[in-house]
C-alpha atoms as a PDB file:
ATOM      1  CA  MET A   1      84.325 121.294  22.924  1.00  0.00           C
ATOM      2  CA  PRO A   2      84.197 118.582  25.559  1.00  0.00           C
ATOM      3  CA  VAL A   3      85.945 119.345  28.879  1.00  0.00           C
ATOM      4  CA  ARG A   4      88.224 116.347  28.593  1.00  0.00           C
ATOM      5  CA  VAL A   5      89.404 117.346  25.127  1.00  0.00           C
ATOM      6  CA  ARG A   6      89.977 120.936  26.243  1.00  0.00           C
ATOM      7  CA  THR A   7      91.892 119.799  29.364  1.00  0.00           C
ATOM      8  CA  ALA A   8      94.107 117.508  27.160  1.00  0.00           C
ATOM      9  CA  LEU A   9      94.894 120.269  24.732  1.00  0.00           C
ATOM     10  CA  VAL A  10      95.799 122.715  27.600  1.00  0.00           C
ATOM     11  CA  PHE A  11      98.001 120.090  29.108  1.00  0.00           C
ATOM     12  CA  LEU A  12      99.682 119.306  25.853  1.00  0.00           C
ATOM     13  CA  ALA A  13     100.365 122.982  25.109  1.00  0.00           C
ATOM     14  CA  THR A  14     101.763 123.510  28.681  1.00  0.00           C
ATOM     15  CA  TRP A  15     103.910 120.380  28.414  1.00  0.00           C
ATOM     16  CA  LEU A  16     105.432 121.536  25.054  1.00  0.00           C
ATOM     17  CA  LEU A  17     106.189 124.996  26.492  1.00  0.00           C
ATOM     18  CA  ALA A  18     107.543 123.815  29.894  1.00  0.00           C
ATOM     19  CA  ALA A  19     111.156 123.899  28.612  1.00  0.00           C
ATOM     20  CA  CYS A  20     110.975 127.344  27.115  1.00  0.00           C
ATOM     21  CA  SER A  21     111.904 129.116  30.327  1.00  0.00           C
ATOM     22  CA  GLY A  22     114.090 128.698  33.404  1.00  0.00           C
ATOM     23  CA  ARG A  23     117.691 129.155  34.422  1.00  0.00           C
ATOM     24  CA  GLN A  24     119.061 127.041  31.599  1.00  0.00           C
ATOM     25  CA  SER A  25     117.014 127.893  28.609  1.00  0.00           C
ATOM     26  CA  ALA A  26     118.156 129.443  25.370  1.00  0.00           C
ATOM     27  CA  LEU A  27     114.599 130.619  24.811  1.00  0.00           C
ATOM     28  CA  ASP A  28     114.592 132.735  28.055  1.00  0.00           C
ATOM     29  CA  PRO A  29     117.479 135.053  27.379  1.00  0.00           C
ATOM     30  CA  GLN A  30     118.971 137.157  30.216  1.00  0.00           C
ATOM     31  CA  GLY A  31     121.969 138.443  28.355  1.00  0.00           C
ATOM     32  CA  LEU A  32     122.731 140.733  25.370  1.00  0.00           C
ATOM     33  CA  GLN A  33     124.274 137.772  23.403  1.00  0.00           C
ATOM     34  CA  SER A  34     121.581 135.195  24.201  1.00  0.00           C
ATOM     35  CA  ASP A  35     118.869 137.678  23.320  1.00  0.00           C
ATOM     36  CA  GLN A  36     120.557 138.242  19.866  1.00  0.00           C
ATOM     37  CA  ILE A  37     120.915 134.420  19.362  1.00  0.00           C
ATOM     38  CA  ARG A  38     117.178 133.954  20.093  1.00  0.00           C
ATOM     39  CA  HIS A  39     116.204 136.788  17.776  1.00  0.00           C
ATOM     40  CA  THR A  40     118.263 135.306  14.934  1.00  0.00           C
ATOM     41  CA  LEU A  41     116.895 131.821  15.618  1.00  0.00           C
ATOM     42  CA  PHE A  42     113.315 133.003  15.356  1.00  0.00           C
ATOM     43  CA  ILE A  43     114.013 134.796  12.038  1.00  0.00           C
ATOM     44  CA  PHE A  44     115.490 131.603  10.553  1.00  0.00           C
ATOM     45  CA  LEU A  45     112.589 129.517  11.841  1.00  0.00           C
ATOM     46  CA  ILE A  46     109.899 131.890  10.478  1.00  0.00           C
ATOM     47  CA  ILE A  47     111.540 131.953   6.997  1.00  0.00           C
ATOM     48  CA  ALA A  48     112.033 128.312   6.989  1.00  0.00           C
ATOM     49  CA  ALA A  49     108.423 127.667   8.048  1.00  0.00           C
ATOM     50  CA  ILE A  50     107.200 129.973   5.278  1.00  0.00           C
ATOM     51  CA  VAL A  51     109.253 128.130   2.621  1.00  0.00           C
ATOM     52  CA  TRP A  52     108.204 124.745   3.945  1.00  0.00           C
ATOM     53  CA  ILE A  53     104.541 125.606   3.952  1.00  0.00           C
ATOM     54  CA  ALA A  54     104.812 127.092   0.440  1.00  0.00           C
ATOM     55  CA  VAL A  55     106.454 123.970  -0.898  1.00  0.00           C
ATOM     56  CA  MET A  56     103.793 121.710   0.785  1.00  0.00           C
ATOM     57  CA  VAL A  57     100.929 123.786  -0.684  1.00  0.00           C
ATOM     58  CA  VAL A  58     102.448 123.637  -4.203  1.00  0.00           C
ATOM     59  CA  LEU A  59     103.015 119.922  -3.847  1.00  0.00           C
ATOM     60  CA  GLY A  60      99.391 119.391  -2.713  1.00  0.00           C
ATOM     61  CA  ILE A  61      98.037 121.468  -5.584  1.00  0.00           C
ATOM     62  CA  GLY A  62     100.183 119.486  -8.037  1.00  0.00           C
ATOM     63  CA  MET A  63      98.909 116.173  -6.648  1.00  0.00           C
ATOM     64  CA  LEU A  64      95.314 117.269  -6.849  1.00  0.00           C
ATOM     65  CA  ARG A  65      95.533 118.685 -10.382  1.00  0.00           C
ATOM     66  CA  ARG A  66      97.322 115.787 -12.018  1.00  0.00           C
ATOM     67  CA  LYS A  67      96.603 115.444 -15.744  1.00  0.00           C
ATOM     68  CA  ARG A  68      95.899 112.240 -17.466  1.00  0.00           C
ATOM     69  CA  ALA A  69      98.915 110.773 -19.367  1.00  0.00           C
ATOM     70  CA  SER A  70      99.073 112.117 -22.934  1.00  0.00           C
ATOM     71  CA  ASN A  71      98.838 109.887 -25.969  1.00  0.00           C
ATOM     72  CA  GLN A  72     101.937 111.684 -27.271  1.00  0.00           C
ATOM     73  CA  PRO A  73     104.169 112.113 -24.124  1.00  0.00           C
ATOM     74  CA  LEU A  74     107.009 113.633 -26.217  1.00  0.00           C
ATOM     75  CA  ASP A  75     104.912 116.493 -27.567  1.00  0.00           C
ATOM     76  CA  LEU A  76     105.728 119.899 -26.022  1.00  0.00           C
ATOM     77  CA  ASP A  77     103.231 122.373 -24.669  1.00  0.00           C
ATOM     78  CA  ARG A  78     104.779 125.702 -25.490  1.00  0.00           C
ATOM     79  CA  ARG A  79     102.665 127.699 -23.087  1.00  0.00           C
ATOM     80  CA  PHE A  80     103.351 125.207 -20.300  1.00  0.00           C
ATOM     81  CA  GLU A  81     107.087 125.163 -21.034  1.00  0.00           C
ATOM     82  CA  GLU A  82     107.275 129.007 -21.001  1.00  0.00           C
ATOM     83  CA  GLY A  83     105.297 129.191 -17.808  1.00  0.00           C
ATOM     84  CA  SER A  84     107.474 126.651 -16.064  1.00  0.00           C
ATOM     85  CA  GLY A  85     110.639 128.385 -17.191  1.00  0.00           C
ATOM     86  CA  ARG A  86     109.401 131.668 -15.732  1.00  0.00           C
ATOM     87  CA  LEU A  87     108.394 129.959 -12.499  1.00  0.00           C
ATOM     88  CA  ILE A  88     111.778 128.200 -12.089  1.00  0.00           C
ATOM     89  CA  LEU A  89     113.643 131.554 -12.843  1.00  0.00           C
ATOM     90  CA  GLY A  90     111.456 133.406 -10.246  1.00  0.00           C
ATOM     91  CA  LEU A  91     112.003 130.669  -7.591  1.00  0.00           C
ATOM     92  CA  GLY A  92     115.727 130.780  -8.279  1.00  0.00           C
ATOM     93  CA  ILE A  93     115.850 134.489  -7.816  1.00  0.00           C
ATOM     94  CA  ALA A  94     113.759 134.195  -4.586  1.00  0.00           C
ATOM     95  CA  THR A  95     116.073 131.516  -3.297  1.00  0.00           C
ATOM     96  CA  VAL A  96     119.138 133.788  -3.830  1.00  0.00           C
ATOM     97  CA  ILE A  97     117.310 136.665  -2.110  1.00  0.00           C
ATOM     98  CA  ILE A  98     116.413 134.490   0.890  1.00  0.00           C
ATOM     99  CA  VAL A  99     119.886 133.018   1.283  1.00  0.00           C
ATOM    100  CA  LEU A 100     121.471 136.504   1.005  1.00  0.00           C
ATOM    101  CA  GLY A 101     118.942 137.906   3.483  1.00  0.00           C
ATOM    102  CA  LEU A 102     119.517 135.169   6.044  1.00  0.00           C
ATOM    103  CA  SER A 103     123.317 135.575   5.560  1.00  0.00           C
ATOM    104  CA  PHE A 104     122.955 139.261   6.341  1.00  0.00           C
ATOM    105  CA  VAL A 105     120.753 138.550   9.399  1.00  0.00           C
ATOM    106  CA  SER A 106     123.388 136.027  10.606  1.00  0.00           C
ATOM    107  CA  TYR A 107     126.254 138.508  10.063  1.00  0.00           C
ATOM    108  CA  ALA A 108     124.416 141.259  11.884  1.00  0.00           C
ATOM    109  CA  GLY A 109     123.734 138.905  14.820  1.00  0.00           C
ATOM    110  CA  GLN A 110     127.346 137.811  14.984  1.00  0.00           C
ATOM    111  CA  ARG A 111     128.430 141.452  15.440  1.00  0.00           C
ATOM    112  CA  THR A 112     126.622 141.478  18.682  1.00  0.00           C
ATOM    113  CA  VAL A 113     127.493 138.008  19.744  1.00  0.00           C
ATOM    114  CA  PHE A 114     131.174 138.228  19.094  1.00  0.00           C
ATOM    115  CA  ALA A 115     131.638 141.910  20.025  1.00  0.00           C
ATOM    116  CA  LYS A 116     134.740 142.837  22.072  1.00  0.00           C
ATOM    117  CA  ASP A 117     134.920 145.360  24.826  1.00  0.00           C
ATOM    118  CA  GLU A 118     138.371 146.437  26.096  1.00  0.00           C
ATOM    119  CA  ASN A 119     136.898 147.361  29.553  1.00  0.00           C
ATOM    120  CA  ALA A 120     135.370 143.903  30.070  1.00  0.00           C
ATOM    121  CA  LEU A 121     135.906 142.002  33.368  1.00  0.00           C
ATOM    122  CA  THR A 122     138.475 139.244  32.474  1.00  0.00           C
ATOM    123  CA  LEU A 123     138.078 135.736  33.731  1.00  0.00           C
ATOM    124  CA  LYS A 124     140.234 132.694  32.845  1.00  0.00           C
ATOM    125  CA  ILE A 125     138.416 129.343  32.983  1.00  0.00           C
ATOM    126  CA  ILE A 126     140.142 126.032  32.849  1.00  0.00           C
ATOM    127  CA  GLY A 127     138.095 122.868  32.195  1.00  0.00           C
ATOM    128  CA  HIS A 128     139.093 119.729  34.061  1.00  0.00           C
ATOM    129  CA  GLN A 129     137.510 116.290  34.288  1.00  0.00           C
ATOM    130  CA  TRP A 130     134.976 117.147  35.758  1.00  0.00           C
ATOM    131  CA  TRP A 131     135.094 120.558  37.321  1.00  0.00           C
ATOM    132  CA  TRP A 132     135.808 124.240  36.447  1.00  0.00           C
ATOM    133  CA  GLU A 133     138.739 126.266  37.642  1.00  0.00           C
ATOM    134  CA  VAL A 134     137.967 129.988  37.587  1.00  0.00           C
ATOM    135  CA  HIS A 135     140.619 132.683  37.702  1.00  0.00           C
ATOM    136  CA  TYR A 136     139.654 136.298  38.317  1.00  0.00           C
ATOM    137  CA  GLU A 137     142.319 138.395  36.546  1.00  0.00           C
ATOM    138  CA  ALA A 138     143.331 141.870  37.556  1.00  0.00           C
ATOM    139  CA  ASP A 139     146.181 144.335  36.730  1.00  0.00           C
ATOM    140  CA  SER A 140     147.355 144.012  40.378  1.00  0.00           C
ATOM    141  CA  PRO A 141     148.430 140.483  41.439  1.00  0.00           C
ATOM    142  CA  HIS A 142     146.999 140.893  44.962  1.00  0.00           C
ATOM    143  CA  GLN A 143     143.487 141.559  43.479  1.00  0.00           C
ATOM    144  CA  SER A 144     143.575 138.248  41.506  1.00  0.00           C
ATOM    145  CA  PHE A 145     142.295 135.119  42.984  1.00  0.00           C
ATOM    146  CA  VAL A 146     141.061 131.561  42.062  1.00  0.00           C
ATOM    147  CA  THR A 147     137.786 129.924  42.781  1.00  0.00           C
ATOM    148  CA  ALA A 148     135.898 126.875  41.325  1.00  0.00           C
ATOM    149  CA  ASN A 149     132.558 125.799  39.845  1.00  0.00           C
ATOM    150  CA  GLU A 150     130.815 129.175  40.449  1.00  0.00           C
ATOM    151  CA  ILE A 151     131.200 132.402  38.438  1.00  0.00           C
ATOM    152  CA  ARG A 152     129.967 135.705  39.918  1.00  0.00           C
ATOM    153  CA  ILE A 153     129.669 138.568  37.578  1.00  0.00           C
ATOM    154  CA  PRO A 154     128.294 142.165  37.663  1.00  0.00           C
ATOM    155  CA  THR A 155     125.127 142.973  35.707  1.00  0.00           C
ATOM    156  CA  GLY A 156     125.466 145.376  32.842  1.00  0.00           C
ATOM    157  CA  GLN A 157     129.183 145.012  32.428  1.00  0.00           C
ATOM    158  CA  PRO A 158     130.827 142.861  29.674  1.00  0.00           C
ATOM    159  CA  VAL A 159     132.636 139.813  30.805  1.00  0.00           C
ATOM    160  CA  LYS A 160     135.517 138.314  28.822  1.00  0.00           C
ATOM    161  CA  VAL A 161     136.073 134.641  29.345  1.00  0.00           C
ATOM    162  CA  GLU A 162     139.373 133.050  28.301  1.00  0.00           C
ATOM    163  CA  LEU A 163     138.821 129.341  27.893  1.00  0.00           C
ATOM    164  CA  GLU A 164     141.495 126.604  28.193  1.00  0.00           C
ATOM    165  CA  SER A 165     141.440 122.855  28.849  1.00  0.00           C
ATOM    166  CA  ALA A 166     143.621 120.870  31.252  1.00  0.00           C
ATOM    167  CA  ASP A 167     142.896 117.506  29.583  1.00  0.00           C
ATOM    168  CA  VAL A 168     140.264 116.822  26.976  1.00  0.00           C
ATOM    169  CA  ILE A 169     137.889 118.970  24.876  1.00  0.00           C
ATOM    170  CA  HIS A 170     135.173 120.629  26.982  1.00  0.00           C
ATOM    171  CA  SER A 171     132.487 123.171  25.984  1.00  0.00           C
ATOM    172  CA  PHE A 172     131.498 126.214  28.023  1.00  0.00           C
ATOM    173  CA  TRP A 173     127.731 126.891  27.674  1.00  0.00           C
ATOM    174  CA  VAL A 174     125.343 129.165  29.642  1.00  0.00           C
ATOM    175  CA  PRO A 175     122.186 129.133  27.511  1.00  0.00           C
ATOM    176  CA  SER A 176     120.455 131.998  29.259  1.00  0.00           C
ATOM    177  CA  LEU A 177     123.514 134.338  28.792  1.00  0.00           C
ATOM    178  CA  THR A 178     125.482 133.282  25.637  1.00  0.00           C
ATOM    179  CA  GLY A 179     126.270 130.562  23.110  1.00  0.00           C
ATOM    180  CA  LYS A 180     128.735 127.704  23.252  1.00  0.00           C
ATOM    181  CA  MET A 181     132.507 127.891  23.070  1.00  0.00           C
ATOM    182  CA  ASP A 182     134.907 124.873  23.165  1.00  0.00           C
ATOM    183  CA  LEU A 183     137.870 124.506  25.528  1.00  0.00           C
ATOM    184  CA  ILE A 184     140.673 122.771  23.650  1.00  0.00           C
ATOM    185  CA  THR A 185     143.979 121.596  24.979  1.00  0.00           C
ATOM    186  CA  GLY A 186     146.840 123.901  23.954  1.00  0.00           C
ATOM    187  CA  GLN A 187     144.566 126.552  22.468  1.00  0.00           C
ATOM    188  CA  LYS A 188     142.986 129.598  24.115  1.00  0.00           C
ATOM    189  CA  ASN A 189     139.471 130.543  22.996  1.00  0.00           C
ATOM    190  CA  GLU A 190     137.679 133.672  24.031  1.00  0.00           C
ATOM    191  CA  LEU A 191     134.013 134.562  24.711  1.00  0.00           C
ATOM    192  CA  GLN A 192     132.297 137.687  25.841  1.00  0.00           C
ATOM    193  CA  PHE A 193     128.777 138.129  27.339  1.00  0.00           C
ATOM    194  CA  THR A 194     126.869 140.661  29.345  1.00  0.00           C
ATOM    195  CA  ALA A 195     124.106 139.743  31.863  1.00  0.00           C
ATOM    196  CA  LYS A 196     121.127 142.047  31.769  1.00  0.00           C
ATOM    197  CA  ASN A 197     119.491 140.972  34.989  1.00  0.00           C
ATOM    198  CA  ALA A 198     120.545 139.692  38.322  1.00  0.00           C
ATOM    199  CA  GLY A 199     119.952 135.997  38.997  1.00  0.00           C
ATOM    200  CA  ILE A 200     121.465 132.568  39.024  1.00  0.00           C
ATOM    201  CA  TYR A 201     121.946 130.857  35.668  1.00  0.00           C
ATOM    202  CA  ARG A 202     123.055 127.304  35.156  1.00  0.00           C
ATOM    203  CA  GLY A 203     125.903 126.474  32.882  1.00  0.00           C
ATOM    204  CA  GLN A 204     126.960 123.104  31.499  1.00  0.00           C
ATOM    205  CA  CYS A 205     129.717 121.408  29.633  1.00  0.00           C
ATOM    206  CA  ALA A 206     128.198 120.856  26.212  1.00  0.00           C
ATOM    207  CA  GLU A 207     131.004 118.542  24.766  1.00  0.00           C
ATOM    208  CA  PHE A 208     131.169 114.875  25.811  1.00  0.00           C
ATOM    209  CA  CYS A 209     134.310 114.831  27.850  1.00  0.00           C
ATOM    210  CA  GLY A 210     134.149 111.403  29.650  1.00  0.00           C
ATOM    211  CA  LEU A 211     132.130 109.438  32.183  1.00  0.00           C
ATOM    212  CA  GLN A 212     130.921 112.318  34.282  1.00  0.00           C
ATOM    213  CA  HIS A 213     130.291 114.763  31.460  1.00  0.00           C
ATOM    214  CA  ALA A 214     126.690 115.206  32.539  1.00  0.00           C
ATOM    215  CA  HIS A 215     127.812 116.184  36.046  1.00  0.00           C
ATOM    216  CA  MET A 216     130.157 118.947  34.891  1.00  0.00           C
ATOM    217  CA  ALA A 217     127.909 122.000  35.584  1.00  0.00           C
ATOM    218  CA  PHE A 218     128.477 125.396  37.116  1.00  0.00           C
ATOM    219  CA  ALA A 219     126.570 128.290  38.301  1.00  0.00           C
ATOM    220  CA  VAL A 220     126.798 131.868  36.917  1.00  0.00           C
ATOM    221  CA  ILE A 221     125.539 134.381  39.585  1.00  0.00           C
ATOM    222  CA  ALA A 222     124.874 137.794  38.231  1.00  0.00           C
ATOM    223  CA  LEU A 223     124.942 140.503  40.916  1.00  0.00           C
ATOM    224  CA  PRO A 224     124.342 144.241  40.948  1.00  0.00           C
ATOM    225  CA  PRO A 225     127.723 146.005  40.460  1.00  0.00           C
ATOM    226  CA  ASP A 226     127.986 147.287  44.075  1.00  0.00           C
ATOM    227  CA  GLU A 227     127.183 143.841  45.467  1.00  0.00           C
ATOM    228  CA  PHE A 228     129.670 142.249  43.086  1.00  0.00           C
ATOM    229  CA  GLY A 229     132.329 144.743  44.301  1.00  0.00           C
ATOM    230  CA  ARG A 230     131.804 143.765  47.925  1.00  0.00           C
ATOM    231  CA  TRP A 231     131.863 139.990  47.033  1.00  0.00           C
ATOM    232  CA  ARG A 232     135.147 140.479  45.096  1.00  0.00           C
ATOM    233  CA  ASP A 233     136.794 142.423  47.900  1.00  0.00           C
ATOM    234  CA  HIS A 234     135.866 139.585  50.322  1.00  0.00           C
ATOM    235  CA  GLU A 235     137.005 136.892  47.915  1.00  0.00           C
ATOM    236  CA  ASN A 236     140.420 138.542  47.715  1.00  0.00           C
ATOM    237  CA  GLN A 237     140.973 137.879  51.482  1.00  0.00           C
ATOM    238  CA  SER A 238     142.489 134.783  52.920  1.00  0.00           C
ATOM    239  CA  ALA A 239     140.464 132.189  54.799  1.00  0.00           C
ATOM    240  CA  ASN A 240     139.720 132.921  58.385  1.00  0.00           C
ATOM    241  CA  SER A 241     141.276 130.586  61.053  1.00  0.00           C
ATOM    242  CA  PRO A 242     138.769 128.707  63.049  1.00  0.00           C
ATOM    243  CA  ALA A 243     138.313 129.870  66.583  1.00  0.00           C
ATOM    244  CA  ASP A 244     136.422 126.946  68.120  1.00  0.00           C
ATOM    245  CA  PRO A 245     137.991 123.599  69.079  1.00  0.00           C
ATOM    246  CA  LEU A 246     135.985 121.573  66.563  1.00  0.00           C
ATOM    247  CA  GLY A 247     136.949 123.893  63.735  1.00  0.00           C
ATOM    248  CA  LYS A 248     140.710 123.726  64.719  1.00  0.00           C
ATOM    249  CA  GLN A 249     140.479 119.925  64.890  1.00  0.00           C
ATOM    250  CA  GLY A 250     138.987 120.026  61.355  1.00  0.00           C
ATOM    251  CA  GLU A 251     141.779 122.207  60.024  1.00  0.00           C
ATOM    252  CA  ASP A 252     144.419 119.821  61.533  1.00  0.00           C
ATOM    253  CA  LEU A 253     142.627 116.811  60.009  1.00  0.00           C
ATOM    254  CA  PHE A 254     142.296 118.579  56.683  1.00  0.00           C
ATOM    255  CA  ARG A 255     146.128 118.822  56.422  1.00  0.00           C
ATOM    256  CA  GLY A 256     146.893 115.557  58.300  1.00  0.00           C
ATOM    257  CA  ARG A 257     144.588 113.336  56.127  1.00  0.00           C
ATOM    258  CA  GLY A 258     146.118 114.574  52.921  1.00  0.00           C
ATOM    259  CA  CYS A 259     143.405 116.943  51.711  1.00  0.00           C
ATOM    260  CA  ALA A 260     145.901 119.779  51.591  1.00  0.00           C
ATOM    261  CA  LEU A 261     147.952 117.855  49.023  1.00  0.00           C
ATOM    262  CA  CYS A 262     145.217 118.463  46.377  1.00  0.00           C
ATOM    263  CA  HIS A 263     143.263 121.596  47.582  1.00  0.00           C
ATOM    264  CA  ASN A 264     144.388 125.102  48.239  1.00  0.00           C
ATOM    265  CA  ILE A 265     143.129 127.339  50.946  1.00  0.00           C
ATOM    266  CA  ARG A 266     144.675 130.730  50.875  1.00  0.00           C
ATOM    267  CA  GLY A 267     146.204 131.963  54.154  1.00  0.00           C
ATOM    268  CA  THR A 268     146.840 128.358  55.380  1.00  0.00           C
ATOM    269  CA  LEU A 269     149.431 125.598  54.849  1.00  0.00           C
ATOM    270  CA  ALA A 270     147.043 123.874  52.467  1.00  0.00           C
ATOM    271  CA  GLY A 271     148.536 124.597  48.987  1.00  0.00           C
ATOM    272  CA  GLY A 272     147.511 121.776  46.710  1.00  0.00           C
ATOM    273  CA  GLN A 273     146.844 122.577  43.072  1.00  0.00           C
ATOM    274  CA  LEU A 274     145.211 119.407  41.774  1.00  0.00           C
ATOM    275  CA  GLY A 275     141.677 119.935  42.902  1.00  0.00           C
ATOM    276  CA  PRO A 276     139.350 123.002  43.295  1.00  0.00           C
ATOM    277  CA  ASP A 277     140.353 125.978  45.468  1.00  0.00           C
ATOM    278  CA  LEU A 278     138.411 125.777  48.728  1.00  0.00           C
ATOM    279  CA  THR A 279     139.280 129.160  50.334  1.00  0.00           C
ATOM    280  CA  HIS A 280     135.672 130.283  50.479  1.00  0.00           C
ATOM    281  CA  VAL A 281     133.981 127.022  49.707  1.00  0.00           C
ATOM    282  CA  GLY A 282     131.305 127.671  52.396  1.00  0.00           C
ATOM    283  CA  ASN A 283     129.759 130.385  50.240  1.00  0.00           C
ATOM    284  CA  ARG A 284     129.120 128.166  47.261  1.00  0.00           C
ATOM    285  CA  THR A 285     125.728 126.805  46.316  1.00  0.00           C
ATOM    286  CA  THR A 286     126.729 123.323  45.072  1.00  0.00           C
ATOM    287  CA  VAL A 287     129.284 120.614  45.669  1.00  0.00           C
ATOM    288  CA  ALA A 288     131.092 118.487  43.001  1.00  0.00           C
ATOM    289  CA  ALA A 289     130.576 120.939  40.147  1.00  0.00           C
ATOM    290  CA  GLY A 290     126.807 121.326  40.341  1.00  0.00           C
ATOM    291  CA  THR A 291     126.096 117.598  41.179  1.00  0.00           C
ATOM    292  CA  LEU A 292     124.542 118.278  44.600  1.00  0.00           C
ATOM    293  CA  PRO A 293     123.259 121.297  46.502  1.00  0.00           C
ATOM    294  CA  LEU A 294     125.751 122.348  49.159  1.00  0.00           C
ATOM    295  CA  SER A 295     124.692 121.335  52.653  1.00  0.00           C
ATOM    296  CA  PRO A 296     126.436 119.606  55.652  1.00  0.00           C
ATOM    297  CA  ALA A 297     124.874 116.298  54.463  1.00  0.00           C
ATOM    298  CA  THR A 298     125.926 116.461  50.885  1.00  0.00           C
ATOM    299  CA  LEU A 299     129.326 117.844  51.729  1.00  0.00           C
ATOM    300  CA  GLY A 300     129.781 114.885  54.166  1.00  0.00           C
ATOM    301  CA  ALA A 301     128.645 112.353  51.597  1.00  0.00           C
ATOM    302  CA  TRP A 302     131.089 113.795  49.012  1.00  0.00           C
ATOM    303  CA  ILE A 303     134.035 113.667  51.367  1.00  0.00           C
ATOM    304  CA  ALA A 304     133.165 110.171  52.658  1.00  0.00           C
ATOM    305  CA  ASP A 305     132.737 108.447  49.289  1.00  0.00           C
ATOM    306  CA  PRO A 306     133.295 110.736  46.225  1.00  0.00           C
ATOM    307  CA  GLN A 307     133.517 107.776  43.821  1.00  0.00           C
ATOM    308  CA  HIS A 308     129.911 106.754  44.762  1.00  0.00           C
ATOM    309  CA  ILE A 309     128.604 110.148  43.820  1.00  0.00           C
ATOM    310  CA  LYS A 310     130.750 110.880  40.819  1.00  0.00           C
ATOM    311  CA  PRO A 311     132.544 107.676  39.585  1.00  0.00           C
ATOM    312  CA  GLY A 312     135.836 108.291  37.870  1.00  0.00           C
ATOM    313  CA  ASN A 313     136.686 111.583  39.422  1.00  0.00           C
ATOM    314  CA  LEU A 314     140.213 112.150  40.791  1.00  0.00           C
ATOM    315  CA  MET A 315     139.325 112.520  44.426  1.00  0.00           C
ATOM    316  CA  PRO A 316     140.117 109.405  46.392  1.00  0.00           C
ATOM    317  CA  ARG A 317     138.014 107.990  49.189  1.00  0.00           C
ATOM    318  CA  MET A 318     139.586 108.994  52.510  1.00  0.00           C
ATOM    319  CA  PRO A 319     139.433 106.537  55.496  1.00  0.00           C
ATOM    320  CA  LEU A 320     137.847 108.894  58.107  1.00  0.00           C
ATOM    321  CA  GLN A 321     136.167 108.148  61.365  1.00  0.00           C
ATOM    322  CA  SER A 322     132.754 109.735  61.861  1.00  0.00           C
ATOM    323  CA  ASP A 323     133.985 112.211  64.389  1.00  0.00           C
ATOM    324  CA  GLU A 324     136.856 113.194  62.039  1.00  0.00           C
ATOM    325  CA  LEU A 325     134.368 113.613  59.147  1.00  0.00           C
ATOM    326  CA  ILE A 326     132.194 115.928  61.292  1.00  0.00           C
ATOM    327  CA  ALA A 327     135.227 118.054  62.278  1.00  0.00           C
ATOM    328  CA  ILE A 328     136.297 118.528  58.627  1.00  0.00           C
ATOM    329  CA  ILE A 329     132.739 119.344  57.504  1.00  0.00           C
ATOM    330  CA  HIS A 330     132.548 121.936  60.374  1.00  0.00           C
ATOM    331  CA  TYR A 331     135.862 123.448  59.326  1.00  0.00           C
ATOM    332  CA  LEU A 332     134.921 123.669  55.553  1.00  0.00           C
ATOM    333  CA  GLU A 333     131.493 125.230  56.461  1.00  0.00           C
ATOM    334  CA  GLN A 334     133.337 128.061  58.180  1.00  0.00           C
ATOM    335  CA  LEU A 335     135.284 128.987  55.021  1.00  0.00           C
ATOM    336  CA  LYS A 336     133.106 131.767  53.869  1.00  0.00           C
END
């Protein structure tokens, strides 16, 4: 085989398989539910491929073995008619068996995908245009807290997610961990999943929900149980007050410029409920619901002109001087 042809074939195969792995791939399962979904999918694909190939083979044989038109087209060939009847009956029985078999496979898969565990970690997630509000529920109120756009979970422990919408229909989807579930206004839907391995998995709104639907993402960060416990204990704490002059100036500007009217920072006078909770925003990996990686530059760009980055979102452009913007960025970076 010529080298060019071999290279082209390798490139084509690599290109076709490039989307079969990664942190947002249903074909690279990292959860019990996503593993079952892929297993069920492959069974359906294999059976469907076998049926399709069989139909194409029979069709090809029929086209190659065509008989000439009979002089008496209304005459019946008893042997042919009996053979055709038996073939049709056999195919009908095979169809029933295949459909029943696939139904059983689907039912068995759903028992895993929709399994309920009373000891699951409970999260309440509310979809907004275009960000995610995440509530960590606990029996004791002082152990409950709110965050946004990132979900941290322990590996090996079932997680129950209660889904609600604050405006339009959204859809919660983490391909590497579980299937889709819609968030519908006035209705509470529920989903459970278990992460097998530690890692960062990308989630996405899978239902068109407006102009910035494509920029409504989130990260699911699966941690070992002991590390998750330390993170949760830290997250329960209020924000630390800045000790340096620039940080104190940023905190004053955050309240004075109206940011506190929309955002909540626990332990401070900022108590807004319209936008994401920013108590520990410095620990997050992205800004604007997965739109940009979090850094001083992207955080500053978002604060300075959020409509340029994400047109249509509810955060207004604030008239800030450069020194004021630097102070606010410095303050938010310290919220860890």
